[in-house]
């Protein structure tokens, strides 16, 4: 049987060792998929207009609302693998 949570945790560690920092779009996608895979749908209030980074992160996470945690984990692993490949 596939151990998705273990592969997800390994991908979360592997992302720290990428040869170069991903672009902002990939960073937001990584954040959103990680949060969706580990927590589920976005919670709390959307950050205010002056919190540009917090707002972008929250919006990216909210964009994947409804995705199952397993699907988010699988998508996160796939994204990390593609970033590792270059």
C-alpha atoms as a PDB file:
ATOM      1  CA  UNK A   1       0.000   0.000   0.000  1.00  0.00           C
ATOM      2  CA  UNK A   2       1.229   3.502  -0.872  1.00  0.00           C
ATOM      3  CA  UNK A   3       2.386   5.529   2.133  1.00  0.00           C
ATOM      4  CA  UNK A   4       1.289   8.949   0.904  1.00  0.00           C
ATOM      5  CA  UNK A   5       1.871  10.838   4.188  1.00  0.00           C
ATOM      6  CA  UNK A   6       5.476   9.577   4.358  1.00  0.00           C
ATOM      7  CA  UNK A   7       6.124  10.572   0.725  1.00  0.00           C
ATOM      8  CA  UNK A   8       4.516  13.965   1.447  1.00  0.00           C
ATOM      9  CA  UNK A   9       6.812  14.504   4.435  1.00  0.00           C
ATOM     10  CA  UNK A  10       9.828  13.463   2.340  1.00  0.00           C
ATOM     11  CA  UNK A  11       8.837  15.928  -0.390  1.00  0.00           C
ATOM     12  CA  UNK A  12       8.494  18.690   2.236  1.00  0.00           C
ATOM     13  CA  UNK A  13      12.094  18.000   3.261  1.00  0.00           C
ATOM     14  CA  UNK A  14      13.297  17.687  -0.340  1.00  0.00           C
ATOM     15  CA  UNK A  15      11.891  21.106  -1.235  1.00  0.00           C
ATOM     16  CA  UNK A  16      14.413  22.636   1.178  1.00  0.00           C
ATOM     17  CA  UNK A  17      17.230  21.143  -0.901  1.00  0.00           C
ATOM     18  CA  UNK A  18      16.173  22.357  -4.340  1.00  0.00           C
ATOM     19  CA  UNK A  19      19.106  23.533  -6.464  1.00  0.00           C
ATOM     20  CA  UNK A  20      17.514  26.964  -6.922  1.00  0.00           C
ATOM     21  CA  UNK A  21      14.659  28.873  -5.334  1.00  0.00           C
ATOM     22  CA  UNK A  22      11.406  28.418  -7.272  1.00  0.00           C
ATOM     23  CA  UNK A  23       9.660  31.469  -8.697  1.00  0.00           C
ATOM     24  CA  UNK A  24       6.858  33.202  -6.837  1.00  0.00           C
ATOM     25  CA  UNK A  25       4.086  31.304  -8.654  1.00  0.00           C
ATOM     26  CA  UNK A  26       5.662  27.948  -7.809  1.00  0.00           C
ATOM     27  CA  UNK A  27       6.285  29.065  -4.218  1.00  0.00           C
ATOM     28  CA  UNK A  28       2.625  30.017  -3.819  1.00  0.00           C
ATOM     29  CA  UNK A  29       1.526  26.716  -5.371  1.00  0.00           C
ATOM     30  CA  UNK A  30       3.844  24.796  -3.029  1.00  0.00           C
ATOM     31  CA  UNK A  31       2.450  26.699  -0.046  1.00  0.00           C
ATOM     32  CA  UNK A  32      -1.161  26.141  -1.085  1.00  0.00           C
ATOM     33  CA  UNK A  33      -0.748  22.424  -1.729  1.00  0.00           C
ATOM     34  CA  UNK A  34       1.228  21.918   1.466  1.00  0.00           C
ATOM     35  CA  UNK A  35      -1.391  23.673   3.580  1.00  0.00           C
ATOM     36  CA  UNK A  36      -4.263  21.876   1.840  1.00  0.00           C
ATOM     37  CA  UNK A  37      -2.503  18.531   2.264  1.00  0.00           C
ATOM     38  CA  UNK A  38      -1.656  19.054   5.909  1.00  0.00           C
ATOM     39  CA  UNK A  39      -4.580  21.165   7.223  1.00  0.00           C
ATOM     40  CA  UNK A  40      -7.386  21.078   4.670  1.00  0.00           C
ATOM     41  CA  UNK A  41      -9.381  24.050   3.418  1.00  0.00           C
ATOM     42  CA  UNK A  42      -8.232  27.579   4.273  1.00  0.00           C
ATOM     43  CA  UNK A  43      -9.381  28.815   7.651  1.00  0.00           C
ATOM     44  CA  UNK A  44      -9.454  32.153   9.393  1.00  0.00           C
ATOM     45  CA  UNK A  45      -9.893  35.619   8.013  1.00  0.00           C
ATOM     46  CA  UNK A  46      -8.280  36.792   4.806  1.00  0.00           C
ATOM     47  CA  UNK A  47      -5.345  39.103   5.636  1.00  0.00           C
ATOM     48  CA  UNK A  48      -5.819  42.819   5.056  1.00  0.00           C
ATOM     49  CA  UNK A  49      -4.836  44.773   1.966  1.00  0.00           C
ATOM     50  CA  UNK A  50      -1.518  45.908   3.401  1.00  0.00           C
ATOM     51  CA  UNK A  51      -0.346  42.356   4.142  1.00  0.00           C
ATOM     52  CA  UNK A  52       0.577  41.569   0.541  1.00  0.00           C
ATOM     53  CA  UNK A  53       2.435  38.342   1.238  1.00  0.00           C
ATOM     54  CA  UNK A  54      -0.101  36.986   3.711  1.00  0.00           C
ATOM     55  CA  UNK A  55      -2.942  37.836   1.377  1.00  0.00           C
ATOM     56  CA  UNK A  56      -1.262  36.143  -1.614  1.00  0.00           C
ATOM     57  CA  UNK A  57      -0.590  33.022   0.439  1.00  0.00           C
ATOM     58  CA  UNK A  58      -4.140  32.914   1.787  1.00  0.00           C
ATOM     59  CA  UNK A  59      -5.595  33.410  -1.706  1.00  0.00           C
ATOM     60  CA  UNK A  60      -3.410  30.641  -3.143  1.00  0.00           C
ATOM     61  CA  UNK A  61      -4.560  28.293  -0.375  1.00  0.00           C
ATOM     62  CA  UNK A  62      -8.209  29.286  -0.822  1.00  0.00           C
ATOM     63  CA  UNK A  63      -7.891  28.571  -4.563  1.00  0.00           C
ATOM     64  CA  UNK A  64      -7.439  24.856  -3.817  1.00  0.00           C
ATOM     65  CA  UNK A  65     -10.371  24.690  -1.382  1.00  0.00           C
ATOM     66  CA  UNK A  66     -12.363  21.521  -1.858  1.00  0.00           C
ATOM     67  CA  UNK A  67      -9.355  19.485  -3.019  1.00  0.00           C
ATOM     68  CA  UNK A  68      -8.990  16.394  -0.844  1.00  0.00           C
ATOM     69  CA  UNK A  69      -5.970  16.213   1.411  1.00  0.00           C
ATOM     70  CA  UNK A  70      -4.760  13.101  -0.426  1.00  0.00           C
ATOM     71  CA  UNK A  71      -5.053  14.818  -3.813  1.00  0.00           C
ATOM     72  CA  UNK A  72      -3.213  17.868  -2.442  1.00  0.00           C
ATOM     73  CA  UNK A  73      -0.438  15.668  -1.070  1.00  0.00           C
ATOM     74  CA  UNK A  74      -0.076  13.895  -4.408  1.00  0.00           C
ATOM     75  CA  UNK A  75      -0.021  17.201  -6.311  1.00  0.00           C
ATOM     76  CA  UNK A  76       2.573  18.601  -3.891  1.00  0.00           C
ATOM     77  CA  UNK A  77       4.810  15.552  -4.356  1.00  0.00           C
ATOM     78  CA  UNK A  78       4.463  15.829  -8.146  1.00  0.00           C
ATOM     79  CA  UNK A  79       5.327  19.550  -8.085  1.00  0.00           C
ATOM     80  CA  UNK A  80       8.386  18.995  -5.906  1.00  0.00           C
ATOM     81  CA  UNK A  81       9.578  16.215  -8.209  1.00  0.00           C
ATOM     82  CA  UNK A  82       9.162  18.448 -11.271  1.00  0.00           C
ATOM     83  CA  UNK A  83      11.085  21.264  -9.552  1.00  0.00           C
ATOM     84  CA  UNK A  84      13.867  18.840  -8.620  1.00  0.00           C
ATOM     85  CA  UNK A  85      14.099  17.715 -12.240  1.00  0.00           C
ATOM     86  CA  UNK A  86      14.570  21.297 -13.328  1.00  0.00           C
END
